[in-house]
Amino acid sequence: MKLSISLSVVALGFMLSSGVCHKMPNNHCEHEVVFNYQGPLAGDGCEWVATIDGVAYHPAQIDDAMKQENLHARCNYVLTGDTFYCGLMPMKLPVVQITCFKFLEE
């Protein structure tokens, strides 16, 4: 009986410690992002496009501070699973939610 309780305590300790070791701080933004305005939707544009690590995405939400042409920053993101269609020959942009954003220091 003591052995099974001891093993349970040890197993619980490993589970708790393994979750803590791999967490990243919330303020660590990993990916390079560039924001560009691609014209209004009504004029066959794509509005704001976030190019993250060389791949174009449509941000689900974008703060006014991010709305700067050719803005270079760092971010983390998650794919929403949605696709945004825009442009004259419809471009298909995956939709992302920006979860971390930091301006690059100049």
Protein backbone atom coordinates (compact mmCIF):
# COMPACT_ATOMS: atom_id res chain seq x y z
CA MET A 1 0.00 0.00 0.00
CA LYS A 2 2.81 2.42 0.92
CA LEU A 3 4.59 1.59 -2.32
CA SER A 4 1.57 2.46 -4.50
CA ILE A 5 1.06 5.77 -2.63
CA SER A 6 4.76 6.59 -3.00
CA LEU A 7 4.67 5.81 -6.73
CA SER A 8 1.56 7.98 -7.13
CA VAL A 9 3.26 10.90 -5.38
CA VAL A 10 6.38 10.50 -7.54
CA ALA A 11 4.30 10.29 -10.74
CA LEU A 12 2.34 13.39 -9.76
CA GLY A 13 5.59 15.24 -9.07
CA PHE A 14 6.93 14.36 -12.54
CA MET A 15 3.72 15.50 -14.24
CA LEU A 16 3.70 18.83 -12.43
CA SER A 17 7.37 19.55 -12.98
CA SER A 18 7.33 18.61 -16.67
CA GLY A 19 4.53 21.10 -17.38
CA VAL A 20 6.45 23.93 -15.72
CA CYS A 21 9.77 23.30 -17.47
CA HIS A 22 8.45 23.72 -21.01
CA LYS A 23 6.34 26.85 -20.57
CA MET A 24 7.59 30.00 -22.27
CA PRO A 25 7.15 33.43 -20.77
CA ASN A 26 4.15 35.29 -22.17
CA ASN A 27 6.34 38.16 -23.33
CA HIS A 28 8.56 36.03 -25.62
CA CYS A 29 7.45 36.68 -29.22
CA GLU A 30 9.19 34.24 -31.56
CA HIS A 31 8.25 35.10 -35.16
CA GLU A 32 9.22 38.04 -37.35
CA VAL A 33 6.16 39.83 -38.71
CA VAL A 34 5.74 42.63 -41.26
CA PHE A 35 2.39 44.41 -41.69
CA ASN A 36 1.41 45.91 -45.06
CA TYR A 37 -1.76 47.57 -46.29
CA GLN A 38 -2.90 45.96 -49.55
CA GLY A 39 -5.78 48.31 -50.39
CA PRO A 40 -9.48 48.41 -49.43
CA LEU A 41 -11.64 45.30 -49.89
CA ALA A 42 -14.10 47.32 -51.99
CA GLY A 43 -11.27 48.08 -54.43
CA ASP A 44 -10.20 44.43 -54.75
CA GLY A 45 -7.52 44.78 -52.08
CA CYS A 46 -6.80 42.65 -49.03
CA GLU A 47 -6.66 45.38 -46.35
CA TRP A 48 -3.95 44.56 -43.76
CA VAL A 49 -1.74 41.55 -44.40
CA ALA A 50 0.67 40.12 -41.84
CA THR A 51 3.68 38.39 -43.35
CA ILE A 52 5.01 36.05 -40.67
CA ASP A 53 8.26 34.24 -41.37
CA GLY A 54 7.70 34.86 -45.10
CA VAL A 55 4.09 33.58 -45.24
CA ALA A 56 1.13 35.95 -45.81
CA TYR A 57 -1.79 35.80 -43.35
CA HIS A 58 -4.90 37.83 -42.61
CA PRO A 59 -4.98 38.96 -38.96
CA ALA A 60 -8.35 38.30 -37.30
CA GLN A 61 -7.94 41.50 -35.26
CA ILE A 62 -5.36 44.21 -35.60
CA ASP A 63 -4.71 47.03 -33.14
CA ASP A 64 -4.35 50.56 -34.47
CA ALA A 65 -0.70 50.57 -33.28
CA MET A 66 0.01 47.73 -35.73
CA LYS A 67 -1.48 49.60 -38.69
CA GLN A 68 1.79 51.03 -39.95
CA GLU A 69 2.97 50.31 -43.49
CA ASN A 70 6.03 48.07 -43.54
CA LEU A 71 5.99 47.71 -39.74
CA HIS A 72 8.57 45.15 -38.60
CA ALA A 73 7.90 43.46 -35.26
CA ARG A 74 7.86 40.08 -33.54
CA CYS A 75 4.78 38.04 -32.72
CA ASN A 76 3.27 34.72 -31.77
CA TYR A 77 0.09 33.57 -33.42
CA VAL A 78 -2.41 30.75 -33.74
CA LEU A 79 -4.20 29.68 -36.89
CA THR A 80 -7.97 30.06 -36.54
CA GLY A 81 -8.76 27.50 -39.25
CA ASP A 82 -10.57 30.16 -41.31
CA THR A 83 -9.58 31.40 -44.77
CA PHE A 84 -9.87 35.03 -45.89
CA TYR A 85 -10.53 35.60 -49.61
CA CYS A 86 -9.54 38.93 -51.13
CA GLY A 87 -8.16 40.58 -54.24
CA LEU A 88 -9.05 40.60 -57.93
CA MET A 89 -7.94 37.00 -58.50
CA PRO A 90 -9.02 35.86 -55.05
CA MET A 91 -6.09 35.25 -52.78
CA LYS A 92 -6.67 32.73 -50.03
CA LEU A 93 -5.05 33.90 -46.81
CA PRO A 94 -5.13 31.79 -43.66
CA VAL A 95 -6.58 33.78 -40.74
CA VAL A 96 -4.41 34.16 -37.64
CA GLN A 97 -4.98 35.46 -34.15
CA ILE A 98 -1.97 37.41 -32.88
CA THR A 99 -1.27 36.22 -29.32
CA CYS A 100 1.96 38.12 -28.62
CA PHE A 101 3.21 41.33 -30.24
CA LYS A 102 6.36 43.39 -29.70
CA PHE A 103 7.79 46.26 -31.70
CA LEU A 104 11.41 45.76 -32.70
CA GLU A 105 13.66 48.18 -30.86
CA GLU A 106 15.52 50.50 -33.18
